[in-house]
C-alpha atoms as a PDB file:
ATOM      1  CA  MET A   1       0.000   0.000   0.000  1.00  0.00           C
ATOM      2  CA  ALA A   2       1.069   3.578  -0.504  1.00  0.00           C
ATOM      3  CA  GLN A   3       2.620   5.677   2.200  1.00  0.00           C
ATOM      4  CA  ILE A   4       0.377   8.716   2.588  1.00  0.00           C
ATOM      5  CA  LEU A   5       2.371  11.937   2.469  1.00  0.00           C
ATOM      6  CA  GLU A   6       1.762  15.037   4.524  1.00  0.00           C
ATOM      7  CA  THR A   7       1.681  17.369   1.543  1.00  0.00           C
ATOM      8  CA  LYS A   8      -1.898  17.662   0.375  1.00  0.00           C
ATOM      9  CA  PRO A   9      -2.176  17.186  -3.403  1.00  0.00           C
ATOM     10  CA  VAL A  10      -4.483  19.087  -5.686  1.00  0.00           C
ATOM     11  CA  LEU A  11      -6.493  16.439  -7.524  1.00  0.00           C
ATOM     12  CA  SER A  12      -7.075  16.657 -11.245  1.00  0.00           C
ATOM     13  CA  THR A  13      -8.754  14.334 -13.703  1.00  0.00           C
ATOM     14  CA  VAL A  14      -5.634  14.465 -15.885  1.00  0.00           C
ATOM     15  CA  LEU A  15      -2.341  15.427 -14.330  1.00  0.00           C
ATOM     16  CA  PRO A  16      -0.137  17.580 -16.562  1.00  0.00           C
ATOM     17  CA  VAL A  17       2.713  15.044 -16.400  1.00  0.00           C
ATOM     18  CA  PHE A  18       0.576  12.460 -18.212  1.00  0.00           C
ATOM     19  CA  ILE A  19       0.093  14.612 -21.308  1.00  0.00           C
ATOM     20  CA  PRO A  20       2.746  16.228 -23.550  1.00  0.00           C
ATOM     21  CA  GLY A  21       4.495  19.141 -21.873  1.00  0.00           C
ATOM     22  CA  LYS A  22       4.929  22.725 -22.994  1.00  0.00           C
ATOM     23  CA  TYR A  23       8.270  22.151 -24.734  1.00  0.00           C
ATOM     24  CA  HIS A  24       8.765  20.945 -28.295  1.00  0.00           C
ATOM     25  CA  PRO A  25      11.471  18.260 -28.363  1.00  0.00           C
ATOM     26  CA  ILE A  26      13.812  17.613 -31.238  1.00  0.00           C
ATOM     27  CA  SER A  27      15.903  14.481 -31.735  1.00  0.00           C
ATOM     28  CA  ILE A  28      19.607  14.440 -32.532  1.00  0.00           C
ATOM     29  CA  SER A  29      21.575  11.392 -33.703  1.00  0.00           C
ATOM     30  CA  VAL A  30      25.285  11.450 -32.892  1.00  0.00           C
ATOM     31  CA  ASP A  31      27.707   8.968 -34.435  1.00  0.00           C
ATOM     32  CA  PRO A  32      30.963   7.901 -32.759  1.00  0.00           C
ATOM     33  CA  SER A  33      32.864   8.894 -35.900  1.00  0.00           C
ATOM     34  CA  GLY A  34      31.627  12.497 -35.676  1.00  0.00           C
ATOM     35  CA  PRO A  35      33.587  15.499 -34.355  1.00  0.00           C
ATOM     36  CA  SER A  36      32.294  15.076 -30.807  1.00  0.00           C
ATOM     37  CA  SER A  37      33.460  11.421 -30.744  1.00  0.00           C
ATOM     38  CA  PRO A  38      31.035   9.873 -28.253  1.00  0.00           C
ATOM     39  CA  PRO A  39      31.999   6.328 -27.210  1.00  0.00           C
ATOM     40  CA  LYS A  40      28.709   4.976 -28.570  1.00  0.00           C
ATOM     41  CA  GLN A  41      26.051   6.041 -31.074  1.00  0.00           C
ATOM     42  CA  LEU A  42      23.634   8.375 -29.289  1.00  0.00           C
ATOM     43  CA  LEU A  43      20.008   9.341 -29.688  1.00  0.00           C
ATOM     44  CA  ILE A  44      19.351  12.624 -27.906  1.00  0.00           C
ATOM     45  CA  PHE A  45      16.036  14.309 -27.207  1.00  0.00           C
ATOM     46  CA  THR A  46      16.067  17.935 -26.096  1.00  0.00           C
ATOM     47  CA  PRO A  47      13.552  20.768 -25.847  1.00  0.00           C
ATOM     48  CA  SER A  48      13.970  23.168 -28.755  1.00  0.00           C
ATOM     49  CA  GLU A  49      13.234  26.215 -26.593  1.00  0.00           C
ATOM     50  CA  GLN A  50      16.156  28.148 -25.133  1.00  0.00           C
ATOM     51  CA  GLY A  51      17.015  27.153 -21.606  1.00  0.00           C
ATOM     52  CA  THR A  52      19.013  25.018 -19.195  1.00  0.00           C
ATOM     53  CA  TYR A  53      17.638  21.552 -18.563  1.00  0.00           C
ATOM     54  CA  PRO A  54      18.352  18.514 -16.348  1.00  0.00           C
ATOM     55  CA  VAL A  55      19.816  15.473 -18.105  1.00  0.00           C
ATOM     56  CA  ILE A  56      18.692  11.831 -18.111  1.00  0.00           C
ATOM     57  CA  LEU A  57      21.087   9.110 -19.253  1.00  0.00           C
ATOM     58  CA  PHE A  58      18.832   6.300 -20.510  1.00  0.00           C
ATOM     59  CA  PHE A  59      19.879   2.694 -21.238  1.00  0.00           C
ATOM     60  CA  HIS A  60      17.928   0.392 -23.548  1.00  0.00           C
ATOM     61  CA  GLY A  61      16.875  -3.174 -22.793  1.00  0.00           C
ATOM     62  CA  PHE A  62      18.454  -6.439 -23.915  1.00  0.00           C
ATOM     63  CA  TYR A  63      19.173  -6.425 -27.657  1.00  0.00           C
ATOM     64  CA  LEU A  64      16.749  -3.530 -28.170  1.00  0.00           C
ATOM     65  CA  ARG A  65      17.374  -0.313 -30.084  1.00  0.00           C
ATOM     66  CA  ASN A  66      17.450   3.111 -28.477  1.00  0.00           C
ATOM     67  CA  TYR A  67      14.987   4.479 -31.032  1.00  0.00           C
ATOM     68  CA  PHE A  68      12.369   1.904 -29.964  1.00  0.00           C
ATOM     69  CA  TYR A  69      11.771   4.243 -26.988  1.00  0.00           C
ATOM     70  CA  SER A  70      11.246   7.424 -29.036  1.00  0.00           C
ATOM     71  CA  ASP A  71       7.652   8.075 -27.959  1.00  0.00           C
ATOM     72  CA  LEU A  72       8.443   7.567 -24.274  1.00  0.00           C
ATOM     73  CA  LEU A  73      11.585   9.701 -24.359  1.00  0.00           C
ATOM     74  CA  ARG A  74       9.907  12.437 -26.403  1.00  0.00           C
ATOM     75  CA  HIS A  75       7.130  12.643 -23.805  1.00  0.00           C
ATOM     76  CA  ILE A  76       9.632  13.066 -20.973  1.00  0.00           C
ATOM     77  CA  SER A  77      11.685  15.619 -22.919  1.00  0.00           C
ATOM     78  CA  SER A  78       8.561  17.703 -23.593  1.00  0.00           C
ATOM     79  CA  HIS A  79       8.475  18.437 -19.855  1.00  0.00           C
ATOM     80  CA  GLY A  80      11.911  20.028 -19.856  1.00  0.00           C
ATOM     81  CA  PHE A  81      14.563  17.299 -19.900  1.00  0.00           C
ATOM     82  CA  ILE A  82      17.518  16.451 -22.114  1.00  0.00           C
ATOM     83  CA  ILE A  83      17.708  12.694 -22.646  1.00  0.00           C
ATOM     84  CA  VAL A  84      20.846  10.935 -23.867  1.00  0.00           C
ATOM     85  CA  ALA A  85      20.162   7.356 -24.995  1.00  0.00           C
ATOM     86  CA  PRO A  86      23.276   5.442 -26.104  1.00  0.00           C
ATOM     87  CA  GLN A  87      23.123   2.347 -28.274  1.00  0.00           C
ATOM     88  CA  LEU A  88      25.370   0.193 -26.119  1.00  0.00           C
ATOM     89  CA  TYR A  89      25.566  -2.636 -28.668  1.00  0.00           C
ATOM     90  CA  THR A  90      23.858  -3.780 -31.875  1.00  0.00           C
ATOM     91  CA  ILE A  91      24.877  -7.264 -32.981  1.00  0.00           C
ATOM     92  CA  ILE A  92      26.453  -9.339 -30.211  1.00  0.00           C
ATOM     93  CA  PRO A  93      25.487  -8.313 -26.663  1.00  0.00           C
ATOM     94  CA  PRO A  94      28.592  -7.840 -24.499  1.00  0.00           C
ATOM     95  CA  SER A  95      29.002  -9.208 -21.020  1.00  0.00           C
ATOM     96  CA  GLY A  96      27.141  -7.317 -18.336  1.00  0.00           C
ATOM     97  CA  THR A  97      30.398  -5.919 -17.004  1.00  0.00           C
ATOM     98  CA  GLU A  98      31.431  -4.628 -20.439  1.00  0.00           C
ATOM     99  CA  GLU A  99      28.006  -3.052 -20.904  1.00  0.00           C
ATOM    100  CA  ILE A 100      28.291  -1.168 -17.616  1.00  0.00           C
ATOM    101  CA  GLU A 101      31.787   0.012 -18.515  1.00  0.00           C
ATOM    102  CA  SER A 102      30.447   1.335 -21.832  1.00  0.00           C
ATOM    103  CA  ALA A 103      27.685   3.141 -19.963  1.00  0.00           C
ATOM    104  CA  ALA A 104      30.302   4.747 -17.694  1.00  0.00           C
ATOM    105  CA  LYS A 105      32.274   5.960 -20.724  1.00  0.00           C
ATOM    106  CA  VAL A 106      29.154   7.661 -22.080  1.00  0.00           C
ATOM    107  CA  ALA A 107      28.589   9.312 -18.688  1.00  0.00           C
ATOM    108  CA  ASP A 108      32.177  10.584 -18.657  1.00  0.00           C
ATOM    109  CA  TRP A 109      31.748  11.969 -22.187  1.00  0.00           C
ATOM    110  CA  LEU A 110      28.826  14.190 -21.178  1.00  0.00           C
ATOM    111  CA  PRO A 111      30.647  17.248 -19.695  1.00  0.00           C
ATOM    112  CA  SER A 112      32.863  17.817 -22.733  1.00  0.00           C
ATOM    113  CA  GLY A 113      30.860  16.180 -25.491  1.00  0.00           C
ATOM    114  CA  LEU A 114      27.202  16.974 -24.867  1.00  0.00           C
ATOM    115  CA  PRO A 115      27.487  20.792 -25.164  1.00  0.00           C
ATOM    116  CA  SER A 116      29.083  20.390 -28.608  1.00  0.00           C
ATOM    117  CA  VAL A 117      26.096  18.496 -30.044  1.00  0.00           C
ATOM    118  CA  LEU A 118      23.261  20.498 -28.476  1.00  0.00           C
ATOM    119  CA  PRO A 119      21.771  23.553 -30.187  1.00  0.00           C
ATOM    120  CA  GLU A 120      23.496  26.807 -29.180  1.00  0.00           C
ATOM    121  CA  ASN A 121      20.508  27.987 -27.153  1.00  0.00           C
ATOM    122  CA  ILE A 122      20.346  24.790 -25.049  1.00  0.00           C
ATOM    123  CA  GLU A 123      22.458  24.100 -21.959  1.00  0.00           C
ATOM    124  CA  ALA A 124      22.688  20.844 -20.030  1.00  0.00           C
ATOM    125  CA  ASN A 125      22.579  21.007 -16.237  1.00  0.00           C
ATOM    126  CA  LEU A 126      24.736  18.026 -15.252  1.00  0.00           C
ATOM    127  CA  VAL A 127      24.344  18.865 -11.574  1.00  0.00           C
ATOM    128  CA  LYS A 128      20.897  17.362 -12.090  1.00  0.00           C
ATOM    129  CA  LEU A 129      21.869  14.124 -13.849  1.00  0.00           C
ATOM    130  CA  ALA A 130      19.583  11.094 -13.561  1.00  0.00           C
ATOM    131  CA  LEU A 131      20.209   7.499 -14.575  1.00  0.00           C
ATOM    132  CA  ALA A 132      17.363   5.510 -16.101  1.00  0.00           C
ATOM    133  CA  GLY A 133      16.997   2.240 -17.951  1.00  0.00           C
ATOM    134  CA  HIS A 134      14.562  -0.428 -19.087  1.00  0.00           C
ATOM    135  CA  SER A 135      14.930  -4.189 -18.596  1.00  0.00           C
ATOM    136  CA  ARG A 136      18.647  -5.122 -18.689  1.00  0.00           C
ATOM    137  CA  GLY A 137      19.259  -1.398 -19.149  1.00  0.00           C
ATOM    138  CA  GLY A 138      17.583  -0.869 -15.796  1.00  0.00           C
ATOM    139  CA  LYS A 139      20.134  -3.173 -14.221  1.00  0.00           C
ATOM    140  CA  THR A 140      22.873  -1.244 -16.052  1.00  0.00           C
ATOM    141  CA  ALA A 141      21.588   1.997 -14.540  1.00  0.00           C
ATOM    142  CA  PHE A 142      21.550   0.484 -11.039  1.00  0.00           C
ATOM    143  CA  ALA A 143      24.998  -1.058 -11.470  1.00  0.00           C
ATOM    144  CA  LEU A 144      26.470   2.242 -12.627  1.00  0.00           C
ATOM    145  CA  ALA A 145      24.918   4.052  -9.663  1.00  0.00           C
ATOM    146  CA  LEU A 146      26.286   1.361  -7.347  1.00  0.00           C
ATOM    147  CA  GLY A 147      29.833   1.851  -8.633  1.00  0.00           C
ATOM    148  CA  TYR A 148      30.338  -1.320 -10.678  1.00  0.00           C
ATOM    149  CA  ALA A 149      32.240   0.802 -13.217  1.00  0.00           C
ATOM    150  CA  LYS A 150      34.436   3.813 -12.551  1.00  0.00           C
ATOM    151  CA  THR A 151      33.058   7.171 -13.624  1.00  0.00           C
ATOM    152  CA  THR A 152      33.838  10.788 -12.859  1.00  0.00           C
ATOM    153  CA  GLN A 153      30.149  11.699 -12.855  1.00  0.00           C
ATOM    154  CA  ASN A 154      27.908  12.172  -9.851  1.00  0.00           C
ATOM    155  CA  PHE A 155      24.311  11.049 -10.267  1.00  0.00           C
ATOM    156  CA  SER A 156      21.351  12.720  -8.588  1.00  0.00           C
ATOM    157  CA  ALA A 157      18.496  10.241  -9.155  1.00  0.00           C
ATOM    158  CA  LEU A 158      17.824   6.739 -10.457  1.00  0.00           C
ATOM    159  CA  VAL A 159      14.858   5.264 -12.340  1.00  0.00           C
ATOM    160  CA  GLY A 160      14.386   1.567 -13.113  1.00  0.00           C
ATOM    161  CA  ILE A 161      11.709   0.753 -15.707  1.00  0.00           C
ATOM    162  CA  ASP A 162      10.889  -2.935 -15.231  1.00  0.00           C
ATOM    163  CA  PRO A 163      14.559  -3.679 -14.426  1.00  0.00           C
ATOM    164  CA  VAL A 164      15.732  -7.270 -14.819  1.00  0.00           C
ATOM    165  CA  ALA A 165      18.851  -8.823 -13.273  1.00  0.00           C
ATOM    166  CA  GLY A 166      18.929 -12.113 -15.193  1.00  0.00           C
ATOM    167  CA  THR A 167      16.931 -15.103 -16.405  1.00  0.00           C
ATOM    168  CA  THR A 168      15.219 -18.031 -14.738  1.00  0.00           C
ATOM    169  CA  CYS A 169      18.680 -19.650 -14.739  1.00  0.00           C
ATOM    170  CA  GLY A 170      19.884 -16.982 -12.318  1.00  0.00           C
ATOM    171  CA  GLN A 171      21.530 -13.566 -12.185  1.00  0.00           C
ATOM    172  CA  THR A 172      23.792 -12.416 -14.970  1.00  0.00           C
ATOM    173  CA  ASN A 173      27.153 -10.873 -14.136  1.00  0.00           C
ATOM    174  CA  PRO A 174      27.773  -8.733 -12.295  1.00  0.00           C
ATOM    175  CA  LYS A 175      25.391 -10.108  -9.702  1.00  0.00           C
ATOM    176  CA  ILE A 176      24.120  -6.950  -8.055  1.00  0.00           C
ATOM    177  CA  LEU A 177      21.114  -8.358  -6.172  1.00  0.00           C
ATOM    178  CA  THR A 178      21.859  -9.503  -2.625  1.00  0.00           C
ATOM    179  CA  TYR A 179      18.328 -10.467  -1.476  1.00  0.00           C
ATOM    180  CA  ILE A 180      18.901  -8.391   1.640  1.00  0.00           C
ATOM    181  CA  PRO A 181      16.336  -5.591   2.097  1.00  0.00           C
ATOM    182  CA  GLY A 182      17.866  -2.127   1.898  1.00  0.00           C
ATOM    183  CA  SER A 183      21.285  -3.469   0.917  1.00  0.00           C
ATOM    184  CA  PHE A 184      21.905  -1.207  -2.091  1.00  0.00           C
ATOM    185  CA  ASN A 185      24.525   1.355  -1.117  1.00  0.00           C
ATOM    186  CA  LEU A 186      22.732   4.293  -2.711  1.00  0.00           C
ATOM    187  CA  SER A 187      22.308   7.802  -1.336  1.00  0.00           C
ATOM    188  CA  ILE A 188      20.121   9.116  -4.175  1.00  0.00           C
ATOM    189  CA  PRO A 189      16.339   8.899  -4.619  1.00  0.00           C
ATOM    190  CA  VAL A 190      15.111   5.896  -6.604  1.00  0.00           C
ATOM    191  CA  THR A 191      11.883   5.092  -8.414  1.00  0.00           C
ATOM    192  CA  VAL A 192      11.147   1.610  -9.715  1.00  0.00           C
ATOM    193  CA  ILE A 193       8.294   1.033 -12.168  1.00  0.00           C
ATOM    194  CA  GLY A 194       7.333  -2.572 -12.846  1.00  0.00           C
ATOM    195  CA  THR A 195       4.800  -4.486 -14.914  1.00  0.00           C
ATOM    196  CA  GLY A 196       2.247  -7.010 -13.750  1.00  0.00           C
ATOM    197  CA  LEU A 197       2.629  -9.242 -16.810  1.00  0.00           C
ATOM    198  CA  GLY A 198       6.439  -9.213 -16.914  1.00  0.00           C
ATOM    199  CA  PRO A 199       6.788 -12.391 -14.793  1.00  0.00           C
ATOM    200  CA  GLU A 200       4.463 -14.377 -17.087  1.00  0.00           C
ATOM    201  CA  SER A 201       5.835 -16.688 -19.807  1.00  0.00           C
ATOM    202  CA  LYS A 202       4.496 -16.341 -23.335  1.00  0.00           C
ATOM    203  CA  GLY A 203       3.191 -19.450 -25.057  1.00  0.00           C
ATOM    204  CA  CYS A 204       5.744 -22.246 -25.144  1.00  0.00           C
ATOM    205  CA  LEU A 205       8.654 -19.939 -24.249  1.00  0.00           C
ATOM    206  CA  PRO A 206      10.131 -21.210 -20.962  1.00  0.00           C
ATOM    207  CA  CYS A 207      11.512 -17.942 -19.636  1.00  0.00           C
ATOM    208  CA  PRO A 208       9.463 -14.834 -18.821  1.00  0.00           C
ATOM    209  CA  CYS A 209      10.957 -11.465 -19.716  1.00  0.00           C
ATOM    210  CA  ALA A 210      11.000 -10.251 -16.102  1.00  0.00           C
ATOM    211  CA  PRO A 211      11.208 -13.314 -13.822  1.00  0.00           C
ATOM    212  CA  LYS A 212      10.142 -13.212 -10.200  1.00  0.00           C
ATOM    213  CA  THR A 213      13.004 -12.607  -7.732  1.00  0.00           C
ATOM    214  CA  LEU A 214      14.961 -10.883 -10.520  1.00  0.00           C
ATOM    215  CA  ASN A 215      12.570  -8.081 -11.408  1.00  0.00           C
ATOM    216  CA  HIS A 216      11.280  -4.746 -10.143  1.00  0.00           C
ATOM    217  CA  GLU A 217      10.075  -6.060  -6.789  1.00  0.00           C
ATOM    218  CA  GLU A 218      13.536  -7.196  -5.680  1.00  0.00           C
ATOM    219  CA  PHE A 219      15.226  -4.048  -7.010  1.00  0.00           C
ATOM    220  CA  PHE A 220      12.827  -1.953  -4.955  1.00  0.00           C
ATOM    221  CA  ASN A 221      13.235  -4.144  -1.854  1.00  0.00           C
ATOM    222  CA  GLU A 222      16.993  -3.588  -1.889  1.00  0.00           C
ATOM    223  CA  CYS A 223      16.716   0.212  -2.144  1.00  0.00           C
ATOM    224  CA  LYS A 224      16.882   2.541   0.829  1.00  0.00           C
ATOM    225  CA  PRO A 225      14.615   5.578   1.210  1.00  0.00           C
ATOM    226  CA  PRO A 226      13.912   7.812  -0.494  1.00  0.00           C
ATOM    227  CA  ARG A 227      12.434   5.185  -2.766  1.00  0.00           C
ATOM    228  CA  ALA A 228       9.194   4.742  -4.696  1.00  0.00           C
ATOM    229  CA  HIS A 229       7.539   1.796  -6.409  1.00  0.00           C
ATOM    230  CA  PHE A 230       4.747   1.409  -8.951  1.00  0.00           C
ATOM    231  CA  ASP A 231       3.437  -1.686 -10.749  1.00  0.00           C
ATOM    232  CA  ALA A 232       1.467  -1.312 -13.999  1.00  0.00           C
ATOM    233  CA  LYS A 233      -0.680  -4.331 -13.273  1.00  0.00           C
ATOM    234  CA  ASN A 234      -2.199  -4.999 -16.701  1.00  0.00           C
ATOM    235  CA  TYR A 235       0.805  -4.276 -18.913  1.00  0.00           C
ATOM    236  CA  GLY A 236       3.837  -6.243 -20.040  1.00  0.00           C
ATOM    237  CA  HIS A 237       7.577  -5.841 -20.179  1.00  0.00           C
ATOM    238  CA  MET A 238       7.720  -4.413 -23.718  1.00  0.00           C
ATOM    239  CA  ASP A 239       4.708  -2.118 -23.479  1.00  0.00           C
ATOM    240  CA  VAL A 240       6.871   0.972 -22.926  1.00  0.00           C
ATOM    241  CA  LEU A 241       8.235   0.636 -26.481  1.00  0.00           C
ATOM    242  CA  ASP A 242       6.871   2.418 -29.541  1.00  0.00           C
ATOM    243  CA  ASP A 243       3.995   0.816 -31.426  1.00  0.00           C
ATOM    244  CA  ASP A 244       5.278  -1.714 -33.989  1.00  0.00           C
ATOM    245  CA  PRO A 245       9.063  -1.246 -33.566  1.00  0.00           C
ATOM    246  CA  SER A 246      10.815  -1.601 -36.918  1.00  0.00           C
ATOM    247  CA  GLY A 247      13.014  -4.392 -38.226  1.00  0.00           C
ATOM    248  CA  LEU A 248      13.483  -7.990 -37.182  1.00  0.00           C
ATOM    249  CA  VAL A 249      14.480  -7.030 -33.644  1.00  0.00           C
ATOM    250  CA  GLY A 250      11.374  -4.905 -33.371  1.00  0.00           C
ATOM    251  CA  LYS A 251       9.162  -7.770 -34.508  1.00  0.00           C
ATOM    252  CA  LEU A 252      10.823 -10.158 -32.061  1.00  0.00           C
ATOM    253  CA  SER A 253      10.273  -7.707 -29.212  1.00  0.00           C
ATOM    254  CA  ASP A 254       6.525  -7.973 -29.837  1.00  0.00           C
ATOM    255  CA  TYR A 255       6.555 -11.773 -29.631  1.00  0.00           C
ATOM    256  CA  MET A 256       8.995 -12.553 -26.822  1.00  0.00           C
ATOM    257  CA  CYS A 257       7.008 -11.173 -23.886  1.00  0.00           C
ATOM    258  CA  VAL A 258       3.431 -11.163 -22.648  1.00  0.00           C
ATOM    259  CA  ASN A 259       1.891  -7.828 -23.630  1.00  0.00           C
ATOM    260  CA  GLY A 260      -1.104  -5.953 -22.308  1.00  0.00           C
ATOM    261  CA  LYS A 261      -4.343  -6.192 -24.262  1.00  0.00           C
ATOM    262  CA  GLY A 262      -4.804  -2.450 -24.633  1.00  0.00           C
ATOM    263  CA  PRO A 263      -2.875   0.160 -26.625  1.00  0.00           C
ATOM    264  CA  ARG A 264       0.617   1.073 -25.471  1.00  0.00           C
ATOM    265  CA  ASP A 265       0.121   4.828 -25.441  1.00  0.00           C
ATOM    266  CA  PRO A 266      -1.456   4.947 -21.940  1.00  0.00           C
ATOM    267  CA  MET A 267       1.428   2.860 -20.579  1.00  0.00           C
ATOM    268  CA  ARG A 268       4.055   5.136 -22.127  1.00  0.00           C
ATOM    269  CA  ARG A 269       2.291   8.220 -20.795  1.00  0.00           C
ATOM    270  CA  CYS A 270       2.010   6.620 -17.354  1.00  0.00           C
ATOM    271  CA  VAL A 271       5.697   5.699 -17.166  1.00  0.00           C
ATOM    272  CA  GLY A 272       6.781   9.011 -18.669  1.00  0.00           C
ATOM    273  CA  GLY A 273       4.559  10.938 -16.285  1.00  0.00           C
ATOM    274  CA  ILE A 274       5.867   9.119 -13.234  1.00  0.00           C
ATOM    275  CA  VAL A 275       9.460   9.804 -14.319  1.00  0.00           C
ATOM    276  CA  VAL A 276       8.710  13.505 -14.830  1.00  0.00           C
ATOM    277  CA  ALA A 277       6.830  13.845 -11.535  1.00  0.00           C
ATOM    278  CA  PHE A 278       9.565  11.991  -9.623  1.00  0.00           C
ATOM    279  CA  LEU A 279      12.388  14.116 -11.019  1.00  0.00           C
ATOM    280  CA  ASN A 280      10.419  17.336 -10.534  1.00  0.00           C
ATOM    281  CA  TYR A 281       9.897  16.324  -6.895  1.00  0.00           C
ATOM    282  CA  PHE A 282      13.606  15.893  -6.193  1.00  0.00           C
ATOM    283  CA  PHE A 283      15.195  18.239  -8.736  1.00  0.00           C
ATOM    284  CA  GLU A 284      12.827  21.202  -8.558  1.00  0.00           C
ATOM    285  CA  GLY A 285      10.963  20.744  -5.276  1.00  0.00           C
ATOM    286  CA  GLU A 286       7.693  20.545  -7.237  1.00  0.00           C
ATOM    287  CA  LYS A 287       6.030  17.827  -5.191  1.00  0.00           C
ATOM    288  CA  GLY A 288       2.360  18.087  -6.132  1.00  0.00           C
ATOM    289  CA  ASP A 289       2.098  15.715  -9.086  1.00  0.00           C
ATOM    290  CA  PHE A 290       4.195  12.945  -7.547  1.00  0.00           C
ATOM    291  CA  VAL A 291       2.319  13.171  -4.264  1.00  0.00           C
ATOM    292  CA  THR A 292      -0.960  12.929  -6.143  1.00  0.00           C
ATOM    293  CA  ILE A 293       0.121   9.816  -8.042  1.00  0.00           C
ATOM    294  CA  VAL A 294       1.233   8.129  -4.815  1.00  0.00           C
ATOM    295  CA  ASN A 295      -1.846   9.040  -2.794  1.00  0.00           C
ATOM    296  CA  GLU A 296      -4.407   8.698  -5.598  1.00  0.00           C
ATOM    297  CA  PRO A 297      -2.947   6.236  -8.135  1.00  0.00           C
ATOM    298  CA  TYR A 298      -6.237   6.059 -10.026  1.00  0.00           C
ATOM    299  CA  VAL A 299      -5.329   9.392 -11.674  1.00  0.00           C
ATOM    300  CA  ALA A 300      -2.718   7.546 -13.786  1.00  0.00           C
ATOM    301  CA  PRO A 301      -3.595   6.478 -17.356  1.00  0.00           C
ATOM    302  CA  VAL A 302      -3.230   2.782 -16.371  1.00  0.00           C
ATOM    303  CA  LYS A 303      -4.024   0.792 -13.251  1.00  0.00           C
ATOM    304  CA  LEU A 304      -1.198   0.988 -10.727  1.00  0.00           C
ATOM    305  CA  ASP A 305      -0.629  -1.599  -8.010  1.00  0.00           C
ATOM    306  CA  GLN A 306       1.920  -1.951  -5.173  1.00  0.00           C
ATOM    307  CA  VAL A 307       2.315   1.828  -4.926  1.00  0.00           C
ATOM    308  CA  MET A 308       4.777   2.852  -2.215  1.00  0.00           C
ATOM    309  CA  PHE A 309       6.849   5.915  -1.402  1.00  0.00           C
ATOM    310  CA  ASN A 310       9.201   5.859   1.558  1.00  0.00           C
ATOM    311  CA  ILE A 311      11.001   9.062   2.468  1.00  0.00           C
END
């Protein structure tokens, strides 16, 4: 059940975080061979309006493409965020340790490289730098925050979107889950967003996409306050992706996991809205929307279960 907060929210039938924001995002593709020389190919979303914006470093899921998340990332960016989404690999997935090291290299590139690829009227505020990731990318985000790869960056918040630490055969390396409540050595606020259908196997496939004991519930259990948890009960592991992702990988992503029966747009808006409300709470001190979602989860576009916020 949710922890009721002292701040009294102002209820609304549709919270602003669940609809597109006031900014107009543009996307920028950056190749490693370009002048800025990022360590990996990047997909960047940024508001087009002049200003200084917090930054989110977002990691894709296992074997997925960064552009599969365009609708979700565009929604978040429209609320005033710069999002940097590296393509950590394309053909052969590296070991988990190598993936985390690649993520750290992208983080270290940000101070010198990101300003050179943003429009002249846009500035990145790296004092407000959040880590986020989906599926295996969620584990990558947690592992980077936990110090499994060296980086010069300091991170201010962490978001796991249906994070997964392995398969039914066990954890993949590095094994970051300890199964001890509150054991993650993190001093930053964390939000974990899970899916109700992630632990279910599809058809004759033996392994679910987000197995029990390796999914969002265990990640949340091992976090210390401030921490928040949400479970999109009627949606699946891949329902944060764009509709009909392109290519063979995109087609496979539709068939590998149990999906919700409804359209994906409400799920993307729900996840995007929670991310925006969470970061506004801790980055800007704008607590109203996040408090409302926690206290009155029915205002979200999809049904939320296991809602908790411990401060």
